[in-house]
Amino acid sequence: MKTRDFIKWEEQSTRLVVPPGTRHGAALTVPGKVIEKLMAQKSKPSP
């Protein structure tokens, strides 16, 4: 759903594309560089 004023709503289901297996929650596009940084931090040992 899409709205500008929280009164009138527009259906957007036909425009939505999600990865296979996505269930509930939020899905968003993340730039590859951000993912690379996060993955690099994940592999570092914690203090």
N, C-alpha and C. Protein backbone atom coordinates (compact mmCIF):
# COMPACT_ATOMS: atom_id res chain seq x y z
N MET A 1 0.84 -1.17 0.00
CA MET A 1 0.00 0.00 0.00
C MET A 1 0.89 1.24 0.00
N LYS A 2 0.39 2.29 -0.62
CA LYS A 2 1.13 3.54 -0.72
C LYS A 2 0.18 4.69 -0.39
N THR A 3 0.68 5.65 0.36
CA THR A 3 -0.13 6.82 0.69
C THR A 3 0.76 8.04 0.84
N ARG A 4 0.18 9.17 0.60
CA ARG A 4 0.87 10.44 0.85
C ARG A 4 0.23 11.16 2.04
N ASP A 5 -1.02 10.83 2.33
CA ASP A 5 -1.73 11.57 3.37
C ASP A 5 -2.36 10.68 4.45
N PHE A 6 -2.16 9.37 4.38
CA PHE A 6 -2.72 8.39 5.31
C PHE A 6 -4.25 8.40 5.32
N ILE A 7 -4.84 8.94 4.27
CA ILE A 7 -6.29 8.91 4.09
C ILE A 7 -6.62 8.09 2.84
N LYS A 8 -6.00 8.47 1.73
CA LYS A 8 -6.17 7.74 0.48
C LYS A 8 -5.00 6.76 0.32
N TRP A 9 -5.32 5.49 0.02
CA TRP A 9 -4.31 4.45 -0.13
C TRP A 9 -4.35 3.87 -1.53
N GLU A 10 -3.20 3.53 -2.07
CA GLU A 10 -3.11 2.93 -3.40
C GLU A 10 -2.49 1.54 -3.27
N GLU A 11 -3.09 0.57 -3.95
CA GLU A 11 -2.56 -0.80 -3.98
C GLU A 11 -1.25 -0.82 -4.75
N GLN A 12 -0.26 -1.51 -4.26
CA GLN A 12 1.05 -1.58 -4.91
C GLN A 12 1.54 -3.02 -5.08
N SER A 13 0.71 -4.00 -4.80
CA SER A 13 1.14 -5.40 -4.82
C SER A 13 1.76 -5.83 -6.14
N THR A 14 1.24 -5.33 -7.25
CA THR A 14 1.77 -5.75 -8.55
C THR A 14 3.16 -5.18 -8.81
N ARG A 15 3.57 -4.18 -8.06
CA ARG A 15 4.89 -3.57 -8.24
C ARG A 15 5.93 -4.15 -7.28
N LEU A 16 5.50 -4.95 -6.31
CA LEU A 16 6.38 -5.47 -5.28
C LEU A 16 7.08 -6.73 -5.76
N VAL A 17 8.40 -6.75 -5.61
CA VAL A 17 9.20 -7.92 -5.93
C VAL A 17 10.03 -8.25 -4.70
N VAL A 18 9.90 -9.47 -4.19
CA VAL A 18 10.65 -9.89 -3.01
C VAL A 18 11.40 -11.18 -3.31
N PRO A 19 12.51 -11.42 -2.63
CA PRO A 19 13.26 -12.65 -2.86
C PRO A 19 12.42 -13.88 -2.50
N PRO A 20 12.65 -15.01 -3.17
CA PRO A 20 11.93 -16.23 -2.83
C PRO A 20 12.16 -16.59 -1.36
N GLY A 21 11.14 -17.06 -0.71
CA GLY A 21 11.25 -17.47 0.69
C GLY A 21 11.02 -16.36 1.69
N THR A 22 10.87 -15.12 1.23
CA THR A 22 10.60 -14.01 2.14
C THR A 22 9.24 -14.22 2.77
N ARG A 23 9.17 -14.08 4.08
CA ARG A 23 7.91 -14.28 4.77
C ARG A 23 7.37 -12.94 5.26
N HIS A 24 7.34 -12.73 6.54
CA HIS A 24 6.83 -11.46 7.05
C HIS A 24 7.98 -10.60 7.55
N GLY A 25 7.72 -9.37 7.82
CA GLY A 25 8.76 -8.45 8.27
C GLY A 25 9.07 -7.44 7.18
N ALA A 26 10.20 -6.82 7.29
CA ALA A 26 10.57 -5.79 6.34
C ALA A 26 11.63 -6.32 5.38
N ALA A 27 11.52 -5.99 4.14
CA ALA A 27 12.53 -6.31 3.14
C ALA A 27 12.94 -5.01 2.48
N LEU A 28 14.24 -4.81 2.30
CA LEU A 28 14.70 -3.58 1.68
C LEU A 28 15.94 -3.86 0.85
N THR A 29 16.24 -2.97 -0.06
CA THR A 29 17.42 -3.06 -0.89
C THR A 29 18.59 -2.43 -0.15
N VAL A 30 19.70 -3.14 -0.12
CA VAL A 30 20.91 -2.64 0.54
C VAL A 30 22.04 -2.65 -0.48
N PRO A 31 22.77 -1.54 -0.60
CA PRO A 31 23.89 -1.50 -1.53
C PRO A 31 24.94 -2.57 -1.20
N GLY A 32 25.56 -3.13 -2.22
CA GLY A 32 26.55 -4.18 -2.03
C GLY A 32 27.69 -3.78 -1.10
N LYS A 33 28.13 -2.53 -1.19
CA LYS A 33 29.23 -2.05 -0.34
C LYS A 33 28.85 -2.14 1.14
N VAL A 34 27.60 -1.86 1.46
CA VAL A 34 27.14 -1.93 2.85
C VAL A 34 27.18 -3.38 3.32
N ILE A 35 26.71 -4.29 2.48
CA ILE A 35 26.72 -5.71 2.83
C ILE A 35 28.15 -6.19 3.04
N GLU A 36 29.06 -5.78 2.16
CA GLU A 36 30.46 -6.17 2.29
C GLU A 36 31.04 -5.71 3.63
N LYS A 37 30.74 -4.47 4.03
CA LYS A 37 31.23 -3.95 5.32
C LYS A 37 30.66 -4.75 6.48
N LEU A 38 29.37 -5.05 6.42
CA LEU A 38 28.74 -5.81 7.49
C LEU A 38 29.33 -7.23 7.58
N MET A 39 29.52 -7.84 6.45
CA MET A 39 30.07 -9.19 6.44
C MET A 39 31.51 -9.19 6.96
N ALA A 40 32.28 -8.16 6.64
CA ALA A 40 33.66 -8.06 7.14
C ALA A 40 33.66 -7.90 8.65
N GLN A 41 32.73 -7.13 9.19
CA GLN A 41 32.65 -6.95 10.64
C GLN A 41 32.23 -8.24 11.31
N LYS A 42 31.36 -8.99 10.67
CA LYS A 42 30.87 -10.25 11.24
C LYS A 42 32.01 -11.25 11.41
N SER A 43 32.96 -11.24 10.49
CA SER A 43 34.04 -12.23 10.53
C SER A 43 35.17 -11.85 11.50
N LYS A 44 35.15 -10.63 12.01
CA LYS A 44 36.17 -10.21 12.97
C LYS A 44 35.83 -10.78 14.35
N PRO A 45 36.84 -11.25 15.09
CA PRO A 45 36.56 -11.73 16.46
C PRO A 45 36.13 -10.58 17.36
N SER A 46 35.19 -10.85 18.23
CA SER A 46 34.75 -9.80 19.16
C SER A 46 35.71 -9.72 20.35
N PRO A 47 35.89 -8.52 20.91
CA PRO A 47 36.86 -8.33 22.01
C PRO A 47 36.45 -9.05 23.28
